[in-house]
Every structure is written in structure tokens, then in C-alpha cells.
Amino acid sequence: PYKATSVSRIMATLKHFARWVHKEKPFVTGYPFQGVRIIEIEEPRWNGLSDKQILRLKSACEHRIATCKQKNQNPLLEVTVFYILLTTGLRESELATLNYGQYHHRGFHEVKRSKSKKISTKVPLPNEARDHLDKYLSTRTELSLESPLLVTKYGNRITRFEIIRICRRISKLANAYLEEEEKFNLTPHMLRHSFLKRIADKYDVHIAQKMSGNVS
């Protein structure tokens, strides 16, 4: 069975098309959607970040690079994770499974989407995120095409849970001097939402859907 959102979208499209046909050449039995109600769907709750919150998070990233010098800390990895999620819309599970060989020509290639199981031929990586990733990769040794793109301080492939913890650490620093009501807990999903909302606002919702990996 289809979800209510899918049914509503299909019905709205059919209703719009039928109205156009009826206007050009009226149906003998009348407008077929007369009296047909479209399922009302509650607007999904916004789960992204404001511009001010993003600026605070970027400042927190800079602060971690400048101050985190202990052996068990890896600020370059943290900042790289943040910028990749912010500028690509990848899920944390999709980022964790990337290999070094998939990163070339200014993006990630043949990316397997965790929800739809589709393959994205290319996920572009903007300059800012690419600069951080290149700087992080320059600290790695013995890289091969099959090497994990991102690894922990101990050389293990990063996991989605470690990515979630990275987001928590960055937001904790960003919240340091905020009033209680202004504080927020950053999640990878919020970064994904923020990216897709920017794409939808700047271009089109269909472009955002395609870049989300949910549609081909």
C-alpha cells in the first residue's frame, strides 16, 4: 500500500490534469473529480538548522581544530564529517560506508543509498567541504582504493554511531555560551534536512528529492 503522502501527491496530479482536459474539451459526464477531496497531509515538522545555528557550528569547528591537540582527539575528522554532511545531504550510514576510491573528480561516486538501495552516480562535494576532506586525507598513510574514506584515530572505519557522537561534541561547544532556550542538539539528520531545504529553496523540490537519493 502507498503512504498517504504518495496517494495525496498522485491524486493532486490527476486532479490538476483532469481539470486541464475538462477545460480544453469538457467530459461528457462532467468533471470527474467533482466532489473528490484530496487527503490533507500535515506539514512535516522542520528539522533543520537556522543560518545563525550553522554559523555557530562552523565557529565551533574552527575552535576544535585550534584547541584539540590530545592524541585521542581528531578534530580534522570531526570537521570533515560536519562539512560533508552539511553540503551533500548524505545520511551518516552512507558516509560511513564510503571508500577512498569513491572520492574523485570533485565528488563521491557510485554511492549506495541506505534507504532506497539506489546508486547515486555522483554526489558533488563543494569546495569548502573538499578542502577539509583533502586536509584530513593528507594525514593518512597507505591509502588504497578500498581503504575506508574516514577512519577513527585507531584506524578503524568510522561508524554511524561515531558520526552521531561527533555531531554532539560540535553542538555542545556551539551551545557553550547560549541561553538554555537557544541550545540545540545537532544530529546528522538535521544537517541533511538543512542541505535539502537549501536545494529546494534555491532550485526545485524535485531536484532536492533527487539529491536526497530517494528518487532516481
N, C-alpha and C. Protein backbone atom coordinates (compact mmCIF):
# COMPACT_ATOMS: atom_id res chain seq x y z
N PRO A 1 0.83 -1.20 0.00
CA PRO A 1 0.00 0.00 0.00
C PRO A 1 0.87 1.26 0.00
N TYR A 2 0.37 2.29 -0.65
CA TYR A 2 1.10 3.55 -0.72
C TYR A 2 0.89 4.36 0.56
N LYS A 3 1.88 5.18 0.90
CA LYS A 3 1.75 6.08 2.03
C LYS A 3 0.76 7.18 1.68
N ALA A 4 0.19 7.80 2.70
CA ALA A 4 -0.79 8.87 2.49
C ALA A 4 -0.19 10.02 1.68
N THR A 5 1.08 10.32 1.91
CA THR A 5 1.72 11.41 1.17
C THR A 5 1.81 11.08 -0.32
N SER A 6 2.10 9.82 -0.65
CA SER A 6 2.19 9.41 -2.06
C SER A 6 0.81 9.46 -2.72
N VAL A 7 -0.21 8.97 -2.01
CA VAL A 7 -1.57 8.98 -2.55
C VAL A 7 -2.02 10.42 -2.80
N SER A 8 -1.75 11.29 -1.84
CA SER A 8 -2.14 12.69 -1.96
C SER A 8 -1.47 13.35 -3.15
N ARG A 9 -0.18 13.07 -3.35
CA ARG A 9 0.56 13.67 -4.45
C ARG A 9 0.04 13.17 -5.79
N ILE A 10 -0.24 11.87 -5.90
CA ILE A 10 -0.76 11.29 -7.15
C ILE A 10 -2.14 11.85 -7.46
N MET A 11 -3.00 11.91 -6.45
CA MET A 11 -4.36 12.43 -6.64
C MET A 11 -4.34 13.89 -7.06
N ALA A 12 -3.47 14.67 -6.46
CA ALA A 12 -3.37 16.09 -6.81
C ALA A 12 -2.94 16.26 -8.26
N THR A 13 -2.00 15.42 -8.71
CA THR A 13 -1.54 15.48 -10.10
C THR A 13 -2.66 15.10 -11.06
N LEU A 14 -3.39 14.03 -10.76
CA LEU A 14 -4.51 13.60 -11.61
C LEU A 14 -5.61 14.65 -11.65
N LYS A 15 -5.89 15.24 -10.51
CA LYS A 15 -6.94 16.26 -10.44
C LYS A 15 -6.57 17.48 -11.28
N HIS A 16 -5.31 17.87 -11.20
CA HIS A 16 -4.84 19.02 -11.98
C HIS A 16 -4.93 18.72 -13.48
N PHE A 17 -4.51 17.52 -13.88
CA PHE A 17 -4.55 17.14 -15.30
C PHE A 17 -5.99 17.05 -15.79
N ALA A 18 -6.87 16.46 -14.98
CA ALA A 18 -8.28 16.32 -15.38
C ALA A 18 -8.93 17.69 -15.54
N ARG A 19 -8.56 18.64 -14.68
CA ARG A 19 -9.12 19.99 -14.79
C ARG A 19 -8.70 20.64 -16.10
N TRP A 20 -7.44 20.42 -16.48
CA TRP A 20 -6.94 21.00 -17.74
C TRP A 20 -7.67 20.38 -18.94
N VAL A 21 -7.82 19.04 -18.94
CA VAL A 21 -8.52 18.35 -20.03
C VAL A 21 -9.97 18.83 -20.11
N HIS A 22 -10.62 18.95 -18.96
CA HIS A 22 -12.03 19.36 -18.93
C HIS A 22 -12.20 20.78 -19.46
N LYS A 23 -11.19 21.60 -19.23
CA LYS A 23 -11.24 22.98 -19.72
C LYS A 23 -11.08 23.03 -21.24
N GLU A 24 -10.19 22.17 -21.78
CA GLU A 24 -9.95 22.13 -23.22
C GLU A 24 -11.09 21.44 -23.96
N LYS A 25 -11.55 20.32 -23.42
CA LYS A 25 -12.63 19.55 -24.05
C LYS A 25 -13.43 18.88 -22.93
N PRO A 26 -14.53 19.51 -22.53
CA PRO A 26 -15.30 19.03 -21.38
C PRO A 26 -15.69 17.56 -21.48
N PHE A 27 -15.57 16.86 -20.36
CA PHE A 27 -16.02 15.47 -20.29
C PHE A 27 -17.54 15.42 -20.43
N VAL A 28 -18.02 14.41 -21.12
CA VAL A 28 -19.47 14.27 -21.35
C VAL A 28 -20.22 14.17 -20.02
N THR A 29 -19.64 13.44 -19.10
CA THR A 29 -20.32 13.23 -17.80
C THR A 29 -19.92 14.26 -16.76
N GLY A 30 -19.17 15.29 -17.19
CA GLY A 30 -18.76 16.32 -16.26
C GLY A 30 -17.37 16.09 -15.68
N TYR A 31 -16.91 17.06 -14.96
CA TYR A 31 -15.58 16.99 -14.36
C TYR A 31 -15.50 15.80 -13.40
N PRO A 32 -14.61 14.83 -13.69
CA PRO A 32 -14.60 13.57 -12.92
C PRO A 32 -14.18 13.70 -11.46
N PHE A 33 -13.50 14.78 -11.12
CA PHE A 33 -13.04 14.94 -9.74
C PHE A 33 -13.96 15.84 -8.92
N GLN A 34 -15.14 16.14 -9.47
CA GLN A 34 -16.08 16.97 -8.75
C GLN A 34 -16.45 16.31 -7.41
N GLY A 35 -16.20 17.00 -6.33
CA GLY A 35 -16.55 16.48 -5.01
C GLY A 35 -15.50 15.56 -4.41
N VAL A 36 -14.45 15.24 -5.17
CA VAL A 36 -13.39 14.36 -4.65
C VAL A 36 -12.42 15.19 -3.81
N ARG A 37 -12.22 14.80 -2.58
CA ARG A 37 -11.33 15.53 -1.68
C ARG A 37 -9.94 14.88 -1.65
N ILE A 38 -8.94 15.72 -1.70
CA ILE A 38 -7.56 15.24 -1.59
C ILE A 38 -7.24 15.04 -0.11
N ILE A 39 -6.52 13.96 0.19
CA ILE A 39 -6.13 13.70 1.57
C ILE A 39 -5.28 14.86 2.09
N GLU A 40 -5.67 15.42 3.20
CA GLU A 40 -4.91 16.52 3.78
C GLU A 40 -3.77 15.95 4.63
N ILE A 41 -2.58 16.35 4.27
CA ILE A 41 -1.39 15.86 4.97
C ILE A 41 -0.81 16.97 5.83
N GLU A 42 -0.56 16.66 7.07
CA GLU A 42 0.05 17.66 7.94
C GLU A 42 1.48 17.92 7.50
N GLU A 43 1.83 19.19 7.42
CA GLU A 43 3.18 19.56 7.01
C GLU A 43 4.20 18.97 7.99
N PRO A 44 5.26 18.33 7.46
CA PRO A 44 6.28 17.76 8.35
C PRO A 44 6.98 18.85 9.15
N ARG A 45 7.32 18.52 10.38
CA ARG A 45 7.99 19.50 11.24
C ARG A 45 9.40 19.78 10.72
N TRP A 46 9.73 21.06 10.64
CA TRP A 46 11.05 21.47 10.18
C TRP A 46 12.09 20.95 11.16
N ASN A 47 13.07 20.24 10.63
CA ASN A 47 14.08 19.62 11.49
C ASN A 47 15.47 20.01 11.04
N GLY A 48 15.58 21.22 10.49
CA GLY A 48 16.88 21.68 10.02
C GLY A 48 17.47 22.74 10.94
N LEU A 49 18.44 23.48 10.41
CA LEU A 49 19.17 24.47 11.19
C LEU A 49 18.97 25.87 10.61
N SER A 50 18.98 26.86 11.47
CA SER A 50 18.91 28.24 11.01
C SER A 50 20.31 28.68 10.57
N ASP A 51 20.38 29.78 9.84
CA ASP A 51 21.68 30.30 9.40
C ASP A 51 22.56 30.63 10.60
N LYS A 52 21.95 31.16 11.65
CA LYS A 52 22.71 31.52 12.85
C LYS A 52 23.29 30.28 13.51
N GLN A 53 22.51 29.22 13.56
CA GLN A 53 23.00 27.97 14.16
C GLN A 53 24.15 27.38 13.35
N ILE A 54 24.04 27.45 12.02
CA ILE A 54 25.12 26.94 11.16
C ILE A 54 26.41 27.73 11.39
N LEU A 55 26.30 29.05 11.53
CA LEU A 55 27.48 29.87 11.79
C LEU A 55 28.12 29.50 13.13
N ARG A 56 27.29 29.25 14.12
CA ARG A 56 27.82 28.85 15.44
C ARG A 56 28.53 27.51 15.35
N LEU A 57 27.97 26.60 14.58
CA LEU A 57 28.59 25.28 14.43
C LEU A 57 29.92 25.38 13.68
N LYS A 58 29.98 26.24 12.68
CA LYS A 58 31.23 26.43 11.95
C LYS A 58 32.30 27.03 12.86
N SER A 59 31.89 27.96 13.71
CA SER A 59 32.83 28.55 14.67
C SER A 59 33.32 27.49 15.65
N ALA A 60 32.41 26.61 16.06
CA ALA A 60 32.79 25.52 16.97
C ALA A 60 33.80 24.60 16.30
N CYS A 61 33.63 24.35 15.02
CA CYS A 61 34.59 23.52 14.27
C CYS A 61 35.97 24.15 14.26
N GLU A 62 36.02 25.45 14.01
CA GLU A 62 37.30 26.16 13.99
C GLU A 62 37.97 26.09 15.36
N HIS A 63 37.16 26.22 16.39
CA HIS A 63 37.69 26.18 17.76
C HIS A 63 38.26 24.81 18.09
N ARG A 64 37.60 23.75 17.64
CA ARG A 64 38.10 22.40 17.92
C ARG A 64 39.42 22.15 17.20
N ILE A 65 39.55 22.64 15.98
CA ILE A 65 40.82 22.47 15.25
C ILE A 65 41.94 23.21 15.97
N ALA A 66 41.62 24.38 16.51
CA ALA A 66 42.64 25.21 17.16
C ALA A 66 43.03 24.70 18.54
N THR A 67 42.13 24.00 19.22
CA THR A 67 42.39 23.65 20.62
C THR A 67 42.54 22.16 20.92
N CYS A 68 42.03 21.30 20.06
CA CYS A 68 42.07 19.85 20.35
C CYS A 68 43.39 19.25 19.88
N LYS A 69 44.32 19.11 20.81
CA LYS A 69 45.67 18.65 20.46
C LYS A 69 46.04 17.31 21.09
N GLN A 70 45.15 16.74 21.87
CA GLN A 70 45.48 15.48 22.54
C GLN A 70 45.46 14.32 21.55
N LYS A 71 46.21 13.26 21.89
CA LYS A 71 46.35 12.12 20.97
C LYS A 71 45.03 11.41 20.69
N ASN A 72 44.13 11.43 21.66
CA ASN A 72 42.86 10.74 21.47
C ASN A 72 41.80 11.61 20.80
N GLN A 73 42.19 12.81 20.40
CA GLN A 73 41.27 13.72 19.72
C GLN A 73 41.59 13.77 18.22
N ASN A 74 40.57 13.99 17.43
CA ASN A 74 40.75 14.00 15.97
C ASN A 74 39.89 15.10 15.35
N PRO A 75 40.23 16.37 15.61
CA PRO A 75 39.40 17.47 15.15
C PRO A 75 39.26 17.57 13.63
N LEU A 76 40.30 17.18 12.90
CA LEU A 76 40.20 17.23 11.43
C LEU A 76 39.11 16.29 10.93
N LEU A 77 39.02 15.12 11.53
CA LEU A 77 37.97 14.17 11.17
C LEU A 77 36.60 14.75 11.50
N GLU A 78 36.47 15.32 12.69
CA GLU A 78 35.19 15.87 13.13
C GLU A 78 34.70 16.96 12.18
N VAL A 79 35.59 17.87 11.84
CA VAL A 79 35.21 18.99 10.97
C VAL A 79 34.88 18.48 9.56
N THR A 80 35.63 17.50 9.10
CA THR A 80 35.37 16.92 7.78
C THR A 80 33.99 16.28 7.74
N VAL A 81 33.66 15.53 8.77
CA VAL A 81 32.34 14.89 8.86
C VAL A 81 31.24 15.95 8.82
N PHE A 82 31.41 17.00 9.61
CA PHE A 82 30.41 18.07 9.68
C PHE A 82 30.17 18.70 8.31
N TYR A 83 31.24 19.08 7.62
CA TYR A 83 31.08 19.77 6.34
C TYR A 83 30.56 18.86 5.24
N ILE A 84 30.94 17.60 5.26
CA ILE A 84 30.41 16.68 4.24
C ILE A 84 28.91 16.51 4.41
N LEU A 85 28.46 16.29 5.65
CA LEU A 85 27.02 16.12 5.89
C LEU A 85 26.25 17.39 5.57
N LEU A 86 26.83 18.54 5.89
CA LEU A 86 26.16 19.82 5.66
C LEU A 86 26.00 20.14 4.18
N THR A 87 26.94 19.69 3.36
CA THR A 87 26.95 20.12 1.95
C THR A 87 26.60 19.03 0.94
N THR A 88 26.27 17.83 1.41
CA THR A 88 25.92 16.76 0.47
C THR A 88 24.55 16.14 0.72
N GLY A 89 24.05 16.24 1.94
CA GLY A 89 22.78 15.60 2.25
C GLY A 89 22.89 14.10 2.46
N LEU A 90 24.11 13.59 2.56
CA LEU A 90 24.29 12.15 2.81
C LEU A 90 23.81 11.78 4.21
N ARG A 91 23.30 10.59 4.35
CA ARG A 91 22.99 10.06 5.68
C ARG A 91 24.29 9.59 6.33
N GLU A 92 24.30 9.51 7.65
CA GLU A 92 25.51 9.09 8.34
C GLU A 92 25.93 7.69 7.94
N SER A 93 24.96 6.81 7.69
CA SER A 93 25.29 5.44 7.29
C SER A 93 25.92 5.41 5.90
N GLU A 94 25.49 6.32 5.02
CA GLU A 94 26.04 6.38 3.67
C GLU A 94 27.47 6.92 3.70
N LEU A 95 27.70 7.91 4.54
CA LEU A 95 29.05 8.47 4.68
C LEU A 95 30.01 7.44 5.26
N ALA A 96 29.54 6.68 6.24
CA ALA A 96 30.41 5.71 6.91
C ALA A 96 30.88 4.60 5.97
N THR A 97 30.11 4.28 4.96
CA THR A 97 30.46 3.16 4.07
C THR A 97 31.31 3.58 2.87
N LEU A 98 31.57 4.87 2.72
CA LEU A 98 32.35 5.32 1.56
C LEU A 98 33.81 4.87 1.66
N ASN A 99 34.37 4.54 0.50
CA ASN A 99 35.79 4.20 0.40
C ASN A 99 36.56 5.32 -0.28
N TYR A 100 37.85 5.32 -0.06
CA TYR A 100 38.71 6.35 -0.65
C TYR A 100 38.60 6.37 -2.17
N GLY A 101 38.48 5.21 -2.78
CA GLY A 101 38.39 5.12 -4.24
C GLY A 101 37.15 5.75 -4.83
N GLN A 102 36.14 6.02 -4.00
CA GLN A 102 34.91 6.64 -4.49
C GLN A 102 35.01 8.16 -4.52
N TYR A 103 36.10 8.69 -4.00
CA TYR A 103 36.28 10.14 -3.95
C TYR A 103 37.23 10.59 -5.06
N HIS A 104 36.68 11.21 -6.07
CA HIS A 104 37.49 11.77 -7.16
C HIS A 104 36.61 12.70 -8.00
N HIS A 105 37.27 13.52 -8.82
CA HIS A 105 36.55 14.46 -9.69
C HIS A 105 35.51 15.27 -8.92
N ARG A 106 35.96 15.82 -7.80
CA ARG A 106 35.14 16.75 -7.01
C ARG A 106 33.84 16.17 -6.48
N GLY A 107 33.87 14.92 -6.11
CA GLY A 107 32.66 14.33 -5.54
C GLY A 107 32.84 12.87 -5.18
N PHE A 108 31.76 12.29 -4.69
CA PHE A 108 31.73 10.86 -4.36
C PHE A 108 30.96 10.13 -5.45
N HIS A 109 31.47 8.98 -5.86
CA HIS A 109 30.89 8.26 -6.99
C HIS A 109 30.36 6.89 -6.59
N GLU A 110 29.32 6.47 -7.31
CA GLU A 110 28.68 5.16 -7.07
C GLU A 110 28.32 4.98 -5.59
N VAL A 111 27.58 5.95 -5.09
CA VAL A 111 27.19 5.96 -3.67
C VAL A 111 25.91 5.15 -3.47
N LYS A 112 25.98 4.13 -2.65
CA LYS A 112 24.80 3.31 -2.37
C LYS A 112 23.96 3.98 -1.30
N ARG A 113 22.70 4.26 -1.64
CA ARG A 113 21.79 4.90 -0.70
C ARG A 113 21.20 3.87 0.25
N SER A 114 21.24 4.20 1.54
CA SER A 114 20.86 3.21 2.55
C SER A 114 19.37 2.95 2.62
N LYS A 115 18.54 3.93 2.26
CA LYS A 115 17.10 3.75 2.39
C LYS A 115 16.48 3.16 1.13
N SER A 116 16.79 3.77 -0.02
CA SER A 116 16.18 3.33 -1.28
C SER A 116 16.96 2.20 -1.95
N LYS A 117 18.21 1.98 -1.51
CA LYS A 117 19.12 0.99 -2.10
C LYS A 117 19.54 1.36 -3.52
N LYS A 118 19.20 2.57 -3.95
CA LYS A 118 19.62 3.03 -5.27
C LYS A 118 21.09 3.43 -5.23
N ILE A 119 21.68 3.60 -6.41
CA ILE A 119 23.07 4.03 -6.53
C ILE A 119 23.09 5.42 -7.14
N SER A 120 23.69 6.38 -6.44
CA SER A 120 23.88 7.72 -6.98
C SER A 120 25.20 7.74 -7.73
N THR A 121 25.14 8.03 -9.03
CA THR A 121 26.35 8.04 -9.85
C THR A 121 27.39 9.00 -9.31
N LYS A 122 26.94 10.20 -8.91
CA LYS A 122 27.86 11.18 -8.34
C LYS A 122 27.14 12.05 -7.33
N VAL A 123 27.79 12.27 -6.19
CA VAL A 123 27.33 13.22 -5.19
C VAL A 123 28.38 14.33 -5.14
N PRO A 124 28.08 15.51 -5.69
CA PRO A 124 29.07 16.59 -5.74
C PRO A 124 29.50 17.03 -4.33
N LEU A 125 30.76 17.41 -4.21
CA LEU A 125 31.29 17.88 -2.94
C LEU A 125 31.82 19.31 -3.14
N PRO A 126 31.17 20.31 -2.56
CA PRO A 126 31.58 21.70 -2.72
C PRO A 126 32.99 21.97 -2.20
N ASN A 127 33.56 23.09 -2.65
CA ASN A 127 34.95 23.42 -2.33
C ASN A 127 35.26 23.40 -0.84
N GLU A 128 34.40 24.02 -0.04
CA GLU A 128 34.67 24.14 1.40
C GLU A 128 34.82 22.77 2.05
N ALA A 129 33.89 21.87 1.74
CA ALA A 129 33.97 20.52 2.30
C ALA A 129 35.15 19.76 1.73
N ARG A 130 35.43 19.98 0.44
CA ARG A 130 36.53 19.27 -0.21
C ARG A 130 37.88 19.68 0.39
N ASP A 131 38.01 20.95 0.72
CA ASP A 131 39.25 21.43 1.34
C ASP A 131 39.50 20.73 2.68
N HIS A 132 38.46 20.59 3.47
CA HIS A 132 38.61 19.92 4.77
C HIS A 132 38.92 18.44 4.59
N LEU A 133 38.25 17.80 3.63
CA LEU A 133 38.49 16.38 3.39
C LEU A 133 39.91 16.14 2.89
N ASP A 134 40.37 16.98 1.97
CA ASP A 134 41.74 16.82 1.45
C ASP A 134 42.78 17.01 2.55
N LYS A 135 42.52 17.97 3.42
CA LYS A 135 43.45 18.21 4.53
C LYS A 135 43.48 17.00 5.47
N TYR A 136 42.30 16.44 5.73
CA TYR A 136 42.22 15.25 6.58
C TYR A 136 42.94 14.07 5.93
N LEU A 137 42.69 13.86 4.64
CA LEU A 137 43.30 12.72 3.94
C LEU A 137 44.82 12.84 3.85
N SER A 138 45.33 14.08 3.88
CA SER A 138 46.79 14.27 3.82
C SER A 138 47.48 13.73 5.06
N THR A 139 46.71 13.50 6.13
CA THR A 139 47.30 12.96 7.36
C THR A 139 47.29 11.43 7.37
N ARG A 140 46.63 10.84 6.38
CA ARG A 140 46.51 9.38 6.31
C ARG A 140 47.68 8.78 5.53
N THR A 141 48.02 7.56 5.85
CA THR A 141 49.09 6.87 5.13
C THR A 141 48.56 5.56 4.56
N GLU A 142 49.25 5.06 3.57
CA GLU A 142 48.91 3.77 2.95
C GLU A 142 47.44 3.71 2.50
N LEU A 143 47.03 4.72 1.77
CA LEU A 143 45.66 4.74 1.25
C LEU A 143 45.57 3.92 -0.02
N SER A 144 44.55 3.08 -0.12
CA SER A 144 44.27 2.34 -1.35
C SER A 144 42.83 2.63 -1.75
N LEU A 145 42.46 2.20 -2.94
CA LEU A 145 41.10 2.46 -3.41
C LEU A 145 40.05 1.86 -2.49
N GLU A 146 40.38 0.76 -1.84
CA GLU A 146 39.43 0.08 -0.96
C GLU A 146 39.52 0.54 0.50
N SER A 147 40.40 1.48 0.77
CA SER A 147 40.52 1.99 2.14
C SER A 147 39.26 2.77 2.52
N PRO A 148 38.82 2.68 3.78
CA PRO A 148 37.69 3.50 4.22
C PRO A 148 38.02 4.97 4.02
N LEU A 149 37.06 5.75 3.58
CA LEU A 149 37.30 7.18 3.40
C LEU A 149 37.61 7.85 4.73
N LEU A 150 36.86 7.50 5.75
CA LEU A 150 37.03 8.10 7.07
C LEU A 150 37.31 7.01 8.11
N VAL A 151 38.34 7.23 8.91
CA VAL A 151 38.68 6.26 9.95
C VAL A 151 38.86 6.97 11.28
N THR A 152 38.73 6.21 12.35
CA THR A 152 38.94 6.76 13.69
C THR A 152 40.43 6.95 13.95
N LYS A 153 40.73 7.48 15.11
CA LYS A 153 42.13 7.70 15.49
C LYS A 153 42.90 6.39 15.54
N TYR A 154 42.16 5.29 15.69
CA TYR A 154 42.80 3.97 15.81
C TYR A 154 42.80 3.21 14.49
N GLY A 155 42.41 3.87 13.40
CA GLY A 155 42.50 3.26 12.08
C GLY A 155 41.31 2.43 11.66
N ASN A 156 40.25 2.41 12.45
CA ASN A 156 39.06 1.65 12.09
C ASN A 156 38.07 2.50 11.30
N ARG A 157 37.33 1.86 10.41
CA ARG A 157 36.31 2.59 9.66
C ARG A 157 35.34 3.27 10.63
N ILE A 158 35.03 4.50 10.36
CA ILE A 158 34.10 5.23 11.22
C ILE A 158 32.71 4.59 11.13
N THR A 159 31.98 4.62 12.23
CA THR A 159 30.63 4.07 12.25
C THR A 159 29.61 5.20 12.33
N ARG A 160 28.36 4.88 12.04
CA ARG A 160 27.31 5.90 12.11
C ARG A 160 27.15 6.42 13.54
N PHE A 161 27.41 5.57 14.52
CA PHE A 161 27.28 6.00 15.92
C PHE A 161 28.39 6.99 16.28
N GLU A 162 29.58 6.79 15.72
CA GLU A 162 30.67 7.74 15.96
C GLU A 162 30.38 9.07 15.28
N ILE A 163 29.73 9.02 14.13
CA ILE A 163 29.34 10.25 13.44
C ILE A 163 28.32 11.01 14.28
N ILE A 164 27.38 10.30 14.88
CA ILE A 164 26.39 10.92 15.76
C ILE A 164 27.07 11.57 16.95
N ARG A 165 28.06 10.89 17.52
CA ARG A 165 28.79 11.45 18.67
C ARG A 165 29.59 12.69 18.27
N ILE A 166 30.13 12.69 17.07
CA ILE A 166 30.86 13.87 16.57
C ILE A 166 29.92 15.07 16.53
N CYS A 167 28.72 14.87 16.02
CA CYS A 167 27.74 15.96 15.95
C CYS A 167 27.41 16.48 17.35
N ARG A 168 27.31 15.59 18.31
CA ARG A 168 27.02 16.00 19.69
C ARG A 168 28.15 16.85 20.27
N ARG A 169 29.39 16.45 19.99
CA ARG A 169 30.54 17.20 20.52
C ARG A 169 30.58 18.60 19.93
N ILE A 170 30.33 18.71 18.64
CA ILE A 170 30.37 20.02 17.99
C ILE A 170 29.25 20.91 18.52
N SER A 171 28.05 20.35 18.67
CA SER A 171 26.93 21.18 19.14
C SER A 171 27.11 21.57 20.61
N LYS A 172 27.74 20.70 21.39
CA LYS A 172 28.00 21.04 22.79
C LYS A 172 28.86 22.29 22.89
N LEU A 173 29.86 22.38 22.03
CA LEU A 173 30.73 23.56 22.01
C LEU A 173 29.97 24.77 21.49
N ALA A 174 29.15 24.57 20.46
CA ALA A 174 28.36 25.68 19.90
C ALA A 174 27.36 26.23 20.91
N ASN A 175 26.91 25.38 21.83
CA ASN A 175 25.92 25.78 22.83
C ASN A 175 26.53 26.43 24.07
N ALA A 176 27.84 26.44 24.15
CA ALA A 176 28.54 26.80 25.39
C ALA A 176 28.08 28.12 26.01
N TYR A 177 27.84 29.13 25.19
CA TYR A 177 27.50 30.45 25.75
C TYR A 177 26.08 30.88 25.39
N LEU A 178 25.24 29.92 25.08
CA LEU A 178 23.86 30.24 24.71
C LEU A 178 22.94 30.12 25.91
N GLU A 179 21.84 30.87 25.84
CA GLU A 179 20.79 30.72 26.85
C GLU A 179 20.16 29.34 26.67
N GLU A 180 19.57 28.83 27.73
CA GLU A 180 19.03 27.48 27.71
C GLU A 180 18.04 27.27 26.57
N GLU A 181 17.19 28.27 26.32
CA GLU A 181 16.16 28.12 25.28
C GLU A 181 16.73 28.17 23.86
N GLU A 182 17.97 28.63 23.72
CA GLU A 182 18.60 28.70 22.40
C GLU A 182 19.42 27.46 22.06
N LYS A 183 19.68 26.64 23.06
CA LYS A 183 20.53 25.47 22.84
C LYS A 183 19.85 24.43 21.96
N PHE A 184 20.64 23.69 21.22
CA PHE A 184 20.11 22.66 20.32
C PHE A 184 21.08 21.48 20.27
N ASN A 185 20.53 20.32 20.02
CA ASN A 185 21.34 19.10 19.92
C ASN A 185 21.47 18.69 18.46
N LEU A 186 22.65 18.87 17.91
CA LEU A 186 22.87 18.58 16.49
C LEU A 186 22.84 17.08 16.21
N THR A 187 22.16 16.72 15.13
CA THR A 187 22.15 15.33 14.65
C THR A 187 22.50 15.33 13.16
N PRO A 188 23.00 14.23 12.63
CA PRO A 188 23.26 14.15 11.19
C PRO A 188 22.01 14.43 10.37
N HIS A 189 20.86 14.02 10.90
CA HIS A 189 19.60 14.22 10.18
C HIS A 189 19.29 15.70 10.01
N MET A 190 19.64 16.52 10.99
CA MET A 190 19.42 17.96 10.89
C MET A 190 20.29 18.58 9.79
N LEU A 191 21.51 18.09 9.66
CA LEU A 191 22.39 18.59 8.60
C LEU A 191 21.84 18.20 7.23
N ARG A 192 21.32 17.00 7.12
CA ARG A 192 20.71 16.53 5.87
C ARG A 192 19.49 17.38 5.51
N HIS A 193 18.63 17.62 6.49
CA HIS A 193 17.44 18.44 6.27
C HIS A 193 17.82 19.85 5.81
N SER A 194 18.84 20.41 6.45
CA SER A 194 19.26 21.78 6.11
C SER A 194 19.75 21.85 4.67
N PHE A 195 20.53 20.86 4.27
CA PHE A 195 21.03 20.82 2.89
C PHE A 195 19.88 20.71 1.89
N LEU A 196 18.97 19.78 2.11
CA LEU A 196 17.88 19.55 1.17
C LEU A 196 16.93 20.74 1.10
N LYS A 197 16.74 21.42 2.24
CA LYS A 197 15.89 22.62 2.25
C LYS A 197 16.52 23.73 1.42
N ARG A 198 17.83 23.91 1.53
CA ARG A 198 18.53 24.93 0.74
C ARG A 198 18.40 24.63 -0.75
N ILE A 199 18.55 23.36 -1.13
CA ILE A 199 18.44 22.98 -2.53
C ILE A 199 17.02 23.21 -3.04
N ALA A 200 16.03 22.85 -2.24
CA ALA A 200 14.62 23.03 -2.63
C ALA A 200 14.30 24.51 -2.80
N ASP A 201 14.80 25.35 -1.90
CA ASP A 201 14.54 26.79 -1.97
C ASP A 201 15.25 27.44 -3.15
N LYS A 202 16.48 27.00 -3.41
CA LYS A 202 17.28 27.62 -4.47
C LYS A 202 16.91 27.12 -5.85
N TYR A 203 16.60 25.85 -5.97
CA TYR A 203 16.31 25.26 -7.27
C TYR A 203 14.86 24.78 -7.36
N ASP A 204 14.61 23.59 -6.85
CA ASP A 204 13.29 23.00 -7.00
C ASP A 204 13.18 21.80 -6.07
N VAL A 205 11.99 21.53 -5.61
CA VAL A 205 11.80 20.41 -4.68
C VAL A 205 12.14 19.08 -5.34
N HIS A 206 11.94 18.97 -6.66
CA HIS A 206 12.25 17.73 -7.36
C HIS A 206 13.76 17.50 -7.42
N ILE A 207 14.53 18.60 -7.55
CA ILE A 207 15.99 18.50 -7.53
C ILE A 207 16.43 18.01 -6.15
N ALA A 208 15.81 18.56 -5.11
CA ALA A 208 16.15 18.15 -3.75
C ALA A 208 15.83 16.68 -3.53
N GLN A 209 14.69 16.23 -4.05
CA GLN A 209 14.32 14.82 -3.91
C GLN A 209 15.33 13.92 -4.59
N LYS A 210 15.79 14.34 -5.76
CA LYS A 210 16.77 13.54 -6.50
C LYS A 210 18.09 13.48 -5.74
N MET A 211 18.51 14.63 -5.19
CA MET A 211 19.78 14.67 -4.47
C MET A 211 19.70 13.95 -3.13
N SER A 212 18.48 13.75 -2.65
CA SER A 212 18.32 13.03 -1.39
C SER A 212 18.59 11.54 -1.54
N GLY A 213 18.53 11.07 -2.80
CA GLY A 213 18.74 9.65 -3.05
C GLY A 213 17.49 8.82 -2.93
N ASN A 214 16.35 9.48 -2.70
CA ASN A 214 15.09 8.75 -2.55
C ASN A 214 14.40 8.46 -3.86
N VAL A 215 14.77 9.23 -4.91
CA VAL A 215 14.18 9.00 -6.23
C VAL A 215 15.29 8.94 -7.25
N SER A 216 15.02 8.29 -8.39
CA SER A 216 16.04 8.15 -9.43
C SER A 216 15.99 9.33 -10.37
